[in-house]
Amino acid sequence: MSTAIIGDVHGDVDRLRAAVRRLTGVVDEMIFVGDYVDRGPASREVLDELIALKRAWQDKVILLRGNHDQALISFVRDGDRAALLTHGGLATARSYLPRVAHARPLDEFRRNFPPDHLELLEATKLYVERDGLLVSHCGYNPASPARRLLEDMVTGRFPELFVRSSARPQELVVFGHYVQDDMKPYKGEGIVCLDTGCGTLPGGPLTALVLPDQQVLQF
Protein backbone atom coordinates (compact mmCIF):
# COMPACT_ATOMS: atom_id res chain seq x y z
CA MET A 1 0.00 0.00 0.00
CA SER A 2 1.30 3.46 -0.88
CA THR A 3 0.81 6.31 1.57
CA ALA A 4 1.30 10.04 1.06
CA ILE A 5 2.16 12.00 4.18
CA ILE A 6 1.38 15.67 3.59
CA GLY A 7 2.88 18.62 5.44
CA ASP A 8 1.45 21.78 6.95
CA VAL A 9 -1.14 23.53 4.74
CA HIS A 10 -1.69 26.80 6.65
CA GLY A 11 -4.60 28.20 4.69
CA ASP A 12 -3.20 27.63 1.18
CA VAL A 13 -6.14 25.97 -0.54
CA ASP A 14 -4.64 26.16 -4.03
CA ARG A 15 -1.63 24.05 -3.09
CA LEU A 16 -3.88 21.64 -1.19
CA ARG A 17 -6.06 21.17 -4.26
CA ALA A 18 -3.00 20.65 -6.45
CA ALA A 19 -1.69 17.98 -4.08
CA VAL A 20 -5.00 16.13 -3.95
CA ARG A 21 -5.30 16.19 -7.75
CA ARG A 22 -1.80 14.79 -8.17
CA LEU A 23 -2.12 12.12 -5.51
CA THR A 24 -5.60 10.86 -6.38
CA GLY A 25 -5.30 7.56 -8.19
CA VAL A 26 -1.60 7.37 -7.32
CA VAL A 27 -1.65 6.57 -3.60
CA ASP A 28 -3.95 4.41 -1.50
CA GLU A 29 -3.96 6.64 1.55
CA MET A 30 -3.23 10.21 2.63
CA ILE A 31 -2.07 11.28 6.09
CA PHE A 32 -2.00 15.00 6.85
CA VAL A 33 0.29 16.18 9.66
CA GLY A 34 -1.95 19.07 10.76
CA ASP A 35 -1.90 22.86 10.81
CA TYR A 36 -4.63 23.40 8.25
CA VAL A 37 -5.42 26.95 9.39
CA ASP A 38 -3.80 30.34 10.11
CA ARG A 39 -1.27 32.47 8.24
CA GLY A 40 -2.53 31.77 4.70
CA PRO A 41 -5.64 33.50 3.32
CA ALA A 42 -8.03 30.58 2.85
CA SER A 43 -8.37 28.58 6.06
CA ARG A 44 -12.14 28.26 5.64
CA GLU A 45 -11.75 26.88 2.11
CA VAL A 46 -9.06 24.45 3.31
CA LEU A 47 -11.42 22.97 5.90
CA ASP A 48 -14.19 22.74 3.28
CA GLU A 49 -11.81 20.83 1.00
CA LEU A 50 -10.81 18.46 3.79
CA ILE A 51 -14.43 17.74 4.65
CA ALA A 52 -15.08 16.83 1.01
CA LEU A 53 -11.90 14.74 0.89
CA LYS A 54 -12.87 12.79 4.02
CA ARG A 55 -16.32 12.22 2.58
CA ALA A 56 -14.82 10.78 -0.61
CA TRP A 57 -11.93 8.79 0.88
CA GLN A 58 -13.41 7.87 4.28
CA ASP A 59 -10.78 6.18 6.48
CA LYS A 60 -8.20 6.37 3.69
CA VAL A 61 -7.65 10.01 4.64
CA ILE A 62 -6.25 10.54 8.14
CA LEU A 63 -6.16 14.05 9.56
CA LEU A 64 -3.75 14.68 12.40
CA ARG A 65 -3.99 17.70 14.68
CA GLY A 66 -1.53 20.58 14.61
CA ASN A 67 -0.90 23.18 17.29
CA HIS A 68 -2.68 25.83 15.19
CA ASP A 69 -5.71 23.57 14.90
CA GLN A 70 -5.64 23.03 18.65
CA ALA A 71 -5.53 26.80 19.23
CA LEU A 72 -8.59 27.26 17.01
CA ILE A 73 -10.46 24.52 18.86
CA SER A 74 -9.60 26.22 22.17
CA PHE A 75 -10.87 29.55 20.88
CA VAL A 76 -14.16 28.20 19.54
CA ARG A 77 -14.83 25.98 22.56
CA ASP A 78 -13.49 28.14 25.39
CA GLY A 79 -13.07 31.64 23.97
CA ASP A 80 -9.29 31.50 24.36
CA ARG A 81 -8.33 34.60 22.35
CA ALA A 82 -4.69 34.42 23.36
CA ALA A 83 -4.33 30.99 21.77
CA LEU A 84 -5.92 32.23 18.56
CA LEU A 85 -4.00 35.49 18.27
CA THR A 86 -0.57 34.15 19.15
CA HIS A 87 -0.91 31.53 16.40
CA GLY A 88 -1.77 34.00 13.64
CA GLY A 89 -5.47 33.31 13.85
CA LEU A 90 -6.56 36.71 12.53
CA ALA A 91 -5.96 35.41 9.01
CA THR A 92 -8.31 32.54 9.79
CA ALA A 93 -10.96 34.89 11.17
CA ARG A 94 -10.76 37.01 8.02
CA SER A 95 -11.40 33.97 5.85
CA TYR A 96 -14.70 33.45 7.71
CA LEU A 97 -15.63 37.13 7.90
CA PRO A 98 -14.89 38.71 4.50
CA ARG A 99 -17.05 41.69 5.49
CA VAL A 100 -16.89 42.64 9.15
CA ALA A 101 -20.36 43.76 10.19
CA HIS A 102 -19.93 43.53 13.93
CA ALA A 103 -18.20 45.73 16.50
CA ARG A 104 -16.56 42.64 18.00
CA PRO A 105 -15.53 40.55 14.98
CA LEU A 106 -13.81 37.79 16.94
CA ASP A 107 -17.01 37.22 18.92
CA GLU A 108 -18.91 37.04 15.64
CA PHE A 109 -16.33 34.61 14.23
CA ARG A 110 -16.60 32.35 17.27
CA ARG A 111 -20.39 32.48 17.45
CA ASN A 112 -20.84 31.63 13.76
CA PHE A 113 -18.05 29.10 13.39
CA PRO A 114 -19.46 26.26 11.23
CA PRO A 115 -20.31 23.17 13.32
CA ASP A 116 -19.01 20.81 10.64
CA HIS A 117 -15.63 22.57 10.70
CA LEU A 118 -15.40 22.19 14.47
CA GLU A 119 -16.44 18.56 14.18
CA LEU A 120 -13.69 17.94 11.63
CA LEU A 121 -11.04 19.59 13.83
CA GLU A 122 -12.10 17.78 16.99
CA ALA A 123 -12.04 14.44 15.16
CA THR A 124 -8.37 14.84 14.23
CA LYS A 125 -5.97 12.27 15.65
CA LEU A 126 -2.90 13.02 17.73
CA TYR A 127 -0.66 10.59 15.83
CA VAL A 128 -0.44 7.50 13.66
CA GLU A 129 1.94 4.72 14.65
CA ARG A 130 2.31 1.42 12.83
CA ASP A 131 4.84 -0.83 11.09
CA GLY A 132 7.89 1.12 12.16
CA LEU A 133 6.32 4.49 11.30
CA LEU A 134 5.32 7.34 13.60
CA VAL A 135 3.55 10.36 12.11
CA SER A 136 2.62 13.33 14.28
CA HIS A 137 2.61 17.09 14.06
CA CYS A 138 5.65 18.01 16.14
CA GLY A 139 7.62 14.74 16.12
CA TYR A 140 7.99 13.44 19.65
CA ASN A 141 9.61 14.33 22.94
CA PRO A 142 13.18 12.98 23.03
CA ALA A 143 13.09 13.14 26.85
CA SER A 144 10.09 10.74 26.87
CA PRO A 145 10.19 9.00 23.48
CA ALA A 146 7.42 6.52 24.28
CA ARG A 147 4.92 9.13 25.51
CA ARG A 148 2.06 10.05 23.18
CA LEU A 149 0.29 12.94 24.93
CA LEU A 150 -1.01 16.11 23.28
CA GLU A 151 2.06 18.10 24.25
CA ASP A 152 4.37 15.38 22.88
CA MET A 153 2.60 14.90 19.55
CA VAL A 154 0.93 18.24 18.78
CA THR A 155 1.81 21.34 20.78
CA GLY A 156 5.37 20.77 21.92
CA ARG A 157 8.55 22.04 20.33
CA PHE A 158 11.64 19.83 20.25
CA PRO A 159 14.44 21.45 18.22
CA GLU A 160 16.85 18.84 19.55
CA LEU A 161 15.35 16.45 17.00
CA PHE A 162 17.46 18.29 14.43
CA VAL A 163 20.66 18.37 16.51
CA ARG A 164 21.19 14.71 17.18
CA SER A 165 19.61 11.40 16.35
CA SER A 166 16.66 11.23 18.72
CA ALA A 167 14.58 8.77 16.72
CA ARG A 168 14.37 5.17 17.75
CA PRO A 169 16.26 3.15 15.12
CA GLN A 170 13.29 0.92 14.31
CA GLU A 171 11.01 3.84 13.46
CA LEU A 172 10.73 6.46 10.75
CA VAL A 173 9.30 9.60 12.35
CA VAL A 174 7.55 12.05 9.99
CA PHE A 175 6.24 15.41 11.15
CA GLY A 176 5.74 19.08 10.24
CA HIS A 177 5.63 22.05 12.63
CA TYR A 178 9.21 23.28 12.15
CA VAL A 179 9.35 25.58 9.12
CA GLN A 180 12.29 24.82 6.84
CA ASP A 181 13.52 28.18 5.54
CA ASP A 182 15.05 26.63 2.42
CA MET A 183 11.57 25.29 1.52
CA LYS A 184 12.91 21.75 1.27
CA PRO A 185 11.98 18.86 3.56
CA TYR A 186 14.50 17.99 6.23
CA LYS A 187 15.67 14.37 6.06
CA GLY A 188 17.84 13.17 8.90
CA GLU A 189 18.61 9.86 10.53
CA GLY A 190 15.18 8.33 11.08
CA ILE A 191 13.28 11.65 10.77
CA VAL A 192 11.63 13.68 8.02
CA CYS A 193 10.17 17.18 8.53
CA LEU A 194 7.63 18.22 5.90
CA ASP A 195 6.89 21.85 6.85
CA THR A 196 8.38 23.65 3.85
CA GLY A 197 6.58 26.95 4.41
CA CYS A 198 3.24 26.39 2.69
CA GLY A 199 1.06 29.35 3.67
CA THR A 200 3.90 30.73 5.81
CA LEU A 201 6.76 31.67 3.48
CA PRO A 202 6.25 33.52 0.18
CA GLY A 203 6.05 30.80 -2.44
CA GLY A 204 6.43 28.06 0.17
CA PRO A 205 5.40 24.71 -1.33
CA LEU A 206 3.22 22.02 0.15
CA THR A 207 5.33 18.88 0.50
CA ALA A 208 4.35 15.23 0.51
CA LEU A 209 6.40 12.15 1.32
CA VAL A 210 5.20 9.05 -0.52
CA LEU A 211 5.88 5.72 1.17
CA PRO A 212 7.25 3.11 0.91
CA ASP A 213 9.73 4.63 -1.57
CA GLN A 214 10.17 7.92 0.35
CA GLN A 215 9.57 9.92 -2.83
CA VAL A 216 9.24 13.66 -2.17
CA LEU A 217 6.64 15.66 -4.11
CA GLN A 218 6.06 19.40 -3.88
CA PHE A 219 3.08 21.42 -5.01
C-alpha atoms as a PDB file:
ATOM      1  CA  MET A   1       0.000   0.000   0.000  1.00  0.00           C
ATOM      2  CA  SER A   2       1.298   3.458  -0.882  1.00  0.00           C
ATOM      3  CA  THR A   3       0.812   6.308   1.573  1.00  0.00           C
ATOM      4  CA  ALA A   4       1.298  10.036   1.060  1.00  0.00           C
ATOM      5  CA  ILE A   5       2.164  12.000   4.179  1.00  0.00           C
ATOM      6  CA  ILE A   6       1.381  15.666   3.588  1.00  0.00           C
ATOM      7  CA  GLY A   7       2.881  18.616   5.436  1.00  0.00           C
ATOM      8  CA  ASP A   8       1.447  21.785   6.952  1.00  0.00           C
ATOM      9  CA  VAL A   9      -1.143  23.527   4.739  1.00  0.00           C
ATOM     10  CA  HIS A  10      -1.689  26.801   6.646  1.00  0.00           C
ATOM     11  CA  GLY A  11      -4.602  28.204   4.689  1.00  0.00           C
ATOM     12  CA  ASP A  12      -3.202  27.629   1.180  1.00  0.00           C
ATOM     13  CA  VAL A  13      -6.135  25.968  -0.535  1.00  0.00           C
ATOM     14  CA  ASP A  14      -4.641  26.161  -4.033  1.00  0.00           C
ATOM     15  CA  ARG A  15      -1.634  24.048  -3.090  1.00  0.00           C
ATOM     16  CA  LEU A  16      -3.876  21.641  -1.187  1.00  0.00           C
ATOM     17  CA  ARG A  17      -6.059  21.172  -4.262  1.00  0.00           C
ATOM     18  CA  ALA A  18      -2.995  20.654  -6.449  1.00  0.00           C
ATOM     19  CA  ALA A  19      -1.689  17.978  -4.076  1.00  0.00           C
ATOM     20  CA  VAL A  20      -4.998  16.130  -3.945  1.00  0.00           C
ATOM     21  CA  ARG A  21      -5.305  16.187  -7.746  1.00  0.00           C
ATOM     22  CA  ARG A  22      -1.799  14.792  -8.170  1.00  0.00           C
ATOM     23  CA  LEU A  23      -2.115  12.118  -5.507  1.00  0.00           C
ATOM     24  CA  THR A  24      -5.603  10.863  -6.376  1.00  0.00           C
ATOM     25  CA  GLY A  25      -5.300   7.562  -8.193  1.00  0.00           C
ATOM     26  CA  VAL A  26      -1.596   7.375  -7.321  1.00  0.00           C
ATOM     27  CA  VAL A  27      -1.647   6.569  -3.597  1.00  0.00           C
ATOM     28  CA  ASP A  28      -3.949   4.413  -1.499  1.00  0.00           C
ATOM     29  CA  GLU A  29      -3.964   6.642   1.549  1.00  0.00           C
ATOM     30  CA  MET A  30      -3.230  10.213   2.634  1.00  0.00           C
ATOM     31  CA  ILE A  31      -2.069  11.283   6.088  1.00  0.00           C
ATOM     32  CA  PHE A  32      -1.996  15.005   6.854  1.00  0.00           C
ATOM     33  CA  VAL A  33       0.293  16.175   9.663  1.00  0.00           C
ATOM     34  CA  GLY A  34      -1.952  19.065  10.759  1.00  0.00           C
ATOM     35  CA  ASP A  35      -1.904  22.862  10.812  1.00  0.00           C
ATOM     36  CA  TYR A  36      -4.633  23.401   8.251  1.00  0.00           C
ATOM     37  CA  VAL A  37      -5.424  26.949   9.393  1.00  0.00           C
ATOM     38  CA  ASP A  38      -3.804  30.336  10.107  1.00  0.00           C
ATOM     39  CA  ARG A  39      -1.274  32.470   8.237  1.00  0.00           C
ATOM     40  CA  GLY A  40      -2.528  31.774   4.701  1.00  0.00           C
ATOM     41  CA  PRO A  41      -5.640  33.500   3.318  1.00  0.00           C
ATOM     42  CA  ALA A  42      -8.030  30.575   2.846  1.00  0.00           C
ATOM     43  CA  SER A  43      -8.374  28.576   6.056  1.00  0.00           C
ATOM     44  CA  ARG A  44     -12.137  28.263   5.640  1.00  0.00           C
ATOM     45  CA  GLU A  45     -11.748  26.882   2.115  1.00  0.00           C
ATOM     46  CA  VAL A  46      -9.059  24.450   3.313  1.00  0.00           C
ATOM     47  CA  LEU A  47     -11.424  22.969   5.899  1.00  0.00           C
ATOM     48  CA  ASP A  48     -14.185  22.741   3.280  1.00  0.00           C
ATOM     49  CA  GLU A  49     -11.806  20.831   1.004  1.00  0.00           C
ATOM     50  CA  LEU A  50     -10.805  18.457   3.793  1.00  0.00           C
ATOM     51  CA  ILE A  51     -14.426  17.744   4.653  1.00  0.00           C
ATOM     52  CA  ALA A  52     -15.081  16.835   1.012  1.00  0.00           C
ATOM     53  CA  LEU A  53     -11.905  14.742   0.886  1.00  0.00           C
ATOM     54  CA  LYS A  54     -12.870  12.794   4.017  1.00  0.00           C
ATOM     55  CA  ARG A  55     -16.319  12.219   2.585  1.00  0.00           C
ATOM     56  CA  ALA A  56     -14.821  10.784  -0.609  1.00  0.00           C
ATOM     57  CA  TRP A  57     -11.929   8.792   0.884  1.00  0.00           C
ATOM     58  CA  GLN A  58     -13.412   7.872   4.277  1.00  0.00           C
ATOM     59  CA  ASP A  59     -10.779   6.184   6.481  1.00  0.00           C
ATOM     60  CA  LYS A  60      -8.195   6.369   3.691  1.00  0.00           C
ATOM     61  CA  VAL A  61      -7.649  10.009   4.640  1.00  0.00           C
ATOM     62  CA  ILE A  62      -6.250  10.540   8.140  1.00  0.00           C
ATOM     63  CA  LEU A  63      -6.159  14.049   9.559  1.00  0.00           C
ATOM     64  CA  LEU A  64      -3.748  14.685  12.404  1.00  0.00           C
ATOM     65  CA  ARG A  65      -3.988  17.697  14.677  1.00  0.00           C
ATOM     66  CA  GLY A  66      -1.529  20.577  14.609  1.00  0.00           C
ATOM     67  CA  ASN A  67      -0.903  23.178  17.285  1.00  0.00           C
ATOM     68  CA  HIS A  68      -2.682  25.830  15.185  1.00  0.00           C
ATOM     69  CA  ASP A  69      -5.712  23.571  14.900  1.00  0.00           C
ATOM     70  CA  GLN A  70      -5.637  23.027  18.655  1.00  0.00           C
ATOM     71  CA  ALA A  71      -5.533  26.795  19.229  1.00  0.00           C
ATOM     72  CA  LEU A  72      -8.588  27.256  17.005  1.00  0.00           C
ATOM     73  CA  ILE A  73     -10.457  24.523  18.865  1.00  0.00           C
ATOM     74  CA  SER A  74      -9.604  26.221  22.167  1.00  0.00           C
ATOM     75  CA  PHE A  75     -10.869  29.548  20.880  1.00  0.00           C
ATOM     76  CA  VAL A  76     -14.159  28.203  19.539  1.00  0.00           C
ATOM     77  CA  ARG A  77     -14.832  25.984  22.559  1.00  0.00           C
ATOM     78  CA  ASP A  78     -13.490  28.136  25.390  1.00  0.00           C
ATOM     79  CA  GLY A  79     -13.075  31.639  23.974  1.00  0.00           C
ATOM     80  CA  ASP A  80      -9.287  31.495  24.356  1.00  0.00           C
ATOM     81  CA  ARG A  81      -8.328  34.599  22.346  1.00  0.00           C
ATOM     82  CA  ALA A  82      -4.686  34.422  23.358  1.00  0.00           C
ATOM     83  CA  ALA A  83      -4.333  30.992  21.767  1.00  0.00           C
ATOM     84  CA  LEU A  84      -5.920  32.228  18.557  1.00  0.00           C
ATOM     85  CA  LEU A  85      -3.999  35.491  18.268  1.00  0.00           C
ATOM     86  CA  THR A  86      -0.566  34.153  19.146  1.00  0.00           C
ATOM     87  CA  HIS A  87      -0.908  31.530  16.397  1.00  0.00           C
ATOM     88  CA  GLY A  88      -1.773  34.001  13.636  1.00  0.00           C
ATOM     89  CA  GLY A  89      -5.472  33.311  13.851  1.00  0.00           C
ATOM     90  CA  LEU A  90      -6.561  36.713  12.535  1.00  0.00           C
ATOM     91  CA  ALA A  91      -5.965  35.412   9.006  1.00  0.00           C
ATOM     92  CA  THR A  92      -8.314  32.538   9.787  1.00  0.00           C
ATOM     93  CA  ALA A  93     -10.961  34.892  11.175  1.00  0.00           C
ATOM     94  CA  ARG A  94     -10.756  37.013   8.019  1.00  0.00           C
ATOM     95  CA  SER A  95     -11.404  33.970   5.850  1.00  0.00           C
ATOM     96  CA  TYR A  96     -14.696  33.446   7.708  1.00  0.00           C
ATOM     97  CA  LEU A  97     -15.626  37.131   7.901  1.00  0.00           C
ATOM     98  CA  PRO A  98     -14.893  38.707   4.500  1.00  0.00           C
ATOM     99  CA  ARG A  99     -17.049  41.686   5.493  1.00  0.00           C
ATOM    100  CA  VAL A 100     -16.888  42.637   9.147  1.00  0.00           C
ATOM    101  CA  ALA A 101     -20.361  43.758  10.189  1.00  0.00           C
ATOM    102  CA  HIS A 102     -19.931  43.527  13.926  1.00  0.00           C
ATOM    103  CA  ALA A 103     -18.203  45.726  16.497  1.00  0.00           C
ATOM    104  CA  ARG A 104     -16.561  42.641  17.996  1.00  0.00           C
ATOM    105  CA  PRO A 105     -15.533  40.547  14.980  1.00  0.00           C
ATOM    106  CA  LEU A 106     -13.811  37.793  16.944  1.00  0.00           C
ATOM    107  CA  ASP A 107     -17.006  37.219  18.915  1.00  0.00           C
ATOM    108  CA  GLU A 108     -18.906  37.038  15.635  1.00  0.00           C
ATOM    109  CA  PHE A 109     -16.330  34.609  14.227  1.00  0.00           C
ATOM    110  CA  ARG A 110     -16.603  32.350  17.266  1.00  0.00           C
ATOM    111  CA  ARG A 111     -20.388  32.483  17.451  1.00  0.00           C
ATOM    112  CA  ASN A 112     -20.843  31.627  13.762  1.00  0.00           C
ATOM    113  CA  PHE A 113     -18.045  29.096  13.385  1.00  0.00           C
ATOM    114  CA  PRO A 114     -19.459  26.258  11.230  1.00  0.00           C
ATOM    115  CA  PRO A 115     -20.311  23.173  13.323  1.00  0.00           C
ATOM    116  CA  ASP A 116     -19.015  20.812  10.638  1.00  0.00           C
ATOM    117  CA  HIS A 117     -15.635  22.566  10.697  1.00  0.00           C
ATOM    118  CA  LEU A 118     -15.399  22.191  14.471  1.00  0.00           C
ATOM    119  CA  GLU A 119     -16.443  18.559  14.182  1.00  0.00           C
ATOM    120  CA  LEU A 120     -13.685  17.942  11.633  1.00  0.00           C
ATOM    121  CA  LEU A 121     -11.041  19.589  13.830  1.00  0.00           C
ATOM    122  CA  GLU A 122     -12.098  17.777  16.988  1.00  0.00           C
ATOM    123  CA  ALA A 123     -12.042  14.441  15.160  1.00  0.00           C
ATOM    124  CA  THR A 124      -8.369  14.839  14.228  1.00  0.00           C
ATOM    125  CA  LYS A 125      -5.969  12.265  15.650  1.00  0.00           C
ATOM    126  CA  LEU A 126      -2.896  13.021  17.726  1.00  0.00           C
ATOM    127  CA  TYR A 127      -0.658  10.594  15.831  1.00  0.00           C
ATOM    128  CA  VAL A 128      -0.437   7.504  13.658  1.00  0.00           C
ATOM    129  CA  GLU A 129       1.945   4.720  14.652  1.00  0.00           C
ATOM    130  CA  ARG A 130       2.315   1.415  12.825  1.00  0.00           C
ATOM    131  CA  ASP A 131       4.837  -0.830  11.092  1.00  0.00           C
ATOM    132  CA  GLY A 132       7.888   1.121  12.161  1.00  0.00           C
ATOM    133  CA  LEU A 133       6.316   4.486  11.295  1.00  0.00           C
ATOM    134  CA  LEU A 134       5.319   7.338  13.599  1.00  0.00           C
ATOM    135  CA  VAL A 135       3.550  10.359  12.110  1.00  0.00           C
ATOM    136  CA  SER A 136       2.625  13.331  14.277  1.00  0.00           C
ATOM    137  CA  HIS A 137       2.609  17.089  14.056  1.00  0.00           C
ATOM    138  CA  CYS A 138       5.648  18.006  16.139  1.00  0.00           C
ATOM    139  CA  GLY A 139       7.617  14.743  16.119  1.00  0.00           C
ATOM    140  CA  TYR A 140       7.995  13.443  19.650  1.00  0.00           C
ATOM    141  CA  ASN A 141       9.609  14.329  22.944  1.00  0.00           C
ATOM    142  CA  PRO A 142      13.184  12.975  23.033  1.00  0.00           C
ATOM    143  CA  ALA A 143      13.086  13.138  26.846  1.00  0.00           C
ATOM    144  CA  SER A 144      10.093  10.741  26.867  1.00  0.00           C
ATOM    145  CA  PRO A 145      10.194   8.997  23.480  1.00  0.00           C
ATOM    146  CA  ALA A 146       7.417   6.519  24.282  1.00  0.00           C
ATOM    147  CA  ARG A 147       4.925   9.127  25.510  1.00  0.00           C
ATOM    148  CA  ARG A 148       2.063  10.045  23.178  1.00  0.00           C
ATOM    149  CA  LEU A 149       0.290  12.939  24.931  1.00  0.00           C
ATOM    150  CA  LEU A 150      -1.010  16.113  23.284  1.00  0.00           C
ATOM    151  CA  GLU A 151       2.065  18.098  24.246  1.00  0.00           C
ATOM    152  CA  ASP A 152       4.367  15.380  22.876  1.00  0.00           C
ATOM    153  CA  MET A 153       2.599  14.898  19.552  1.00  0.00           C
ATOM    154  CA  VAL A 154       0.933  18.241  18.779  1.00  0.00           C
ATOM    155  CA  THR A 155       1.808  21.340  20.780  1.00  0.00           C
ATOM    156  CA  GLY A 156       5.375  20.765  21.921  1.00  0.00           C
ATOM    157  CA  ARG A 157       8.546  22.037  20.327  1.00  0.00           C
ATOM    158  CA  PHE A 158      11.636  19.829  20.246  1.00  0.00           C
ATOM    159  CA  PRO A 159      14.439  21.445  18.216  1.00  0.00           C
ATOM    160  CA  GLU A 160      16.846  18.840  19.552  1.00  0.00           C
ATOM    161  CA  LEU A 161      15.350  16.453  17.000  1.00  0.00           C
ATOM    162  CA  PHE A 162      17.463  18.289  14.428  1.00  0.00           C
ATOM    163  CA  VAL A 163      20.659  18.373  16.505  1.00  0.00           C
ATOM    164  CA  ARG A 164      21.188  14.709  17.176  1.00  0.00           C
ATOM    165  CA  SER A 165      19.611  11.402  16.355  1.00  0.00           C
ATOM    166  CA  SER A 166      16.662  11.234  18.723  1.00  0.00           C
ATOM    167  CA  ALA A 167      14.582   8.766  16.722  1.00  0.00           C
ATOM    168  CA  ARG A 168      14.373   5.167  17.754  1.00  0.00           C
ATOM    169  CA  PRO A 169      16.258   3.149  15.116  1.00  0.00           C
ATOM    170  CA  GLN A 170      13.287   0.920  14.308  1.00  0.00           C
ATOM    171  CA  GLU A 171      11.013   3.842  13.459  1.00  0.00           C
ATOM    172  CA  LEU A 172      10.733   6.461  10.754  1.00  0.00           C
ATOM    173  CA  VAL A 173       9.302   9.605  12.346  1.00  0.00           C
ATOM    174  CA  VAL A 174       7.551  12.045   9.989  1.00  0.00           C
ATOM    175  CA  PHE A 175       6.237  15.409  11.148  1.00  0.00           C
ATOM    176  CA  GLY A 176       5.739  19.075  10.239  1.00  0.00           C
ATOM    177  CA  HIS A 177       5.626  22.047  12.625  1.00  0.00           C
ATOM    178  CA  TYR A 178       9.213  23.282  12.153  1.00  0.00           C
ATOM    179  CA  VAL A 179       9.352  25.584   9.119  1.00  0.00           C
ATOM    180  CA  GLN A 180      12.292  24.824   6.840  1.00  0.00           C
ATOM    181  CA  ASP A 181      13.516  28.177   5.541  1.00  0.00           C
ATOM    182  CA  ASP A 182      15.053  26.630   2.420  1.00  0.00           C
ATOM    183  CA  MET A 183      11.574  25.292   1.517  1.00  0.00           C
ATOM    184  CA  LYS A 184      12.913  21.748   1.267  1.00  0.00           C
ATOM    185  CA  PRO A 185      11.979  18.862   3.563  1.00  0.00           C
ATOM    186  CA  TYR A 186      14.504  17.992   6.227  1.00  0.00           C
ATOM    187  CA  LYS A 187      15.669  14.373   6.061  1.00  0.00           C
ATOM    188  CA  GLY A 188      17.838  13.166   8.901  1.00  0.00           C
ATOM    189  CA  GLU A 189      18.611   9.856  10.533  1.00  0.00           C
ATOM    190  CA  GLY A 190      15.176   8.334  11.076  1.00  0.00           C
ATOM    191  CA  ILE A 191      13.275  11.645  10.768  1.00  0.00           C
ATOM    192  CA  VAL A 192      11.629  13.684   8.020  1.00  0.00           C
ATOM    193  CA  CYS A 193      10.171  17.177   8.530  1.00  0.00           C
ATOM    194  CA  LEU A 194       7.635  18.223   5.896  1.00  0.00           C
ATOM    195  CA  ASP A 195       6.886  21.845   6.846  1.00  0.00           C
ATOM    196  CA  THR A 196       8.379  23.653   3.850  1.00  0.00           C
ATOM    197  CA  GLY A 197       6.585  26.946   4.408  1.00  0.00           C
ATOM    198  CA  CYS A 198       3.244  26.389   2.687  1.00  0.00           C
ATOM    199  CA  GLY A 199       1.065  29.351   3.673  1.00  0.00           C
ATOM    200  CA  THR A 200       3.898  30.727   5.808  1.00  0.00           C
ATOM    201  CA  LEU A 201       6.763  31.674   3.483  1.00  0.00           C
ATOM    202  CA  PRO A 202       6.245  33.525   0.179  1.00  0.00           C
ATOM    203  CA  GLY A 203       6.047  30.795  -2.440  1.00  0.00           C
ATOM    204  CA  GLY A 204       6.435  28.064   0.168  1.00  0.00           C
ATOM    205  CA  PRO A 205       5.404  24.710  -1.331  1.00  0.00           C
ATOM    206  CA  LEU A 206       3.216  22.017   0.152  1.00  0.00           C
ATOM    207  CA  THR A 207       5.333  18.884   0.496  1.00  0.00           C
ATOM    208  CA  ALA A 208       4.347  15.225   0.511  1.00  0.00           C
ATOM    209  CA  LEU A 209       6.404  12.147   1.320  1.00  0.00           C
ATOM    210  CA  VAL A 210       5.204   9.053  -0.520  1.00  0.00           C
ATOM    211  CA  LEU A 211       5.885   5.722   1.168  1.00  0.00           C
ATOM    212  CA  PRO A 212       7.248   3.114   0.910  1.00  0.00           C
ATOM    213  CA  ASP A 213       9.731   4.628  -1.574  1.00  0.00           C
ATOM    214  CA  GLN A 214      10.168   7.916   0.350  1.00  0.00           C
ATOM    215  CA  GLN A 215       9.570   9.919  -2.826  1.00  0.00           C
ATOM    216  CA  VAL A 216       9.242  13.661  -2.175  1.00  0.00           C
ATOM    217  CA  LEU A 217       6.642  15.662  -4.112  1.00  0.00           C
ATOM    218  CA  GLN A 218       6.064  19.398  -3.882  1.00  0.00           C
ATOM    219  CA  PHE A 219       3.078  21.423  -5.011  1.00  0.00           C
END
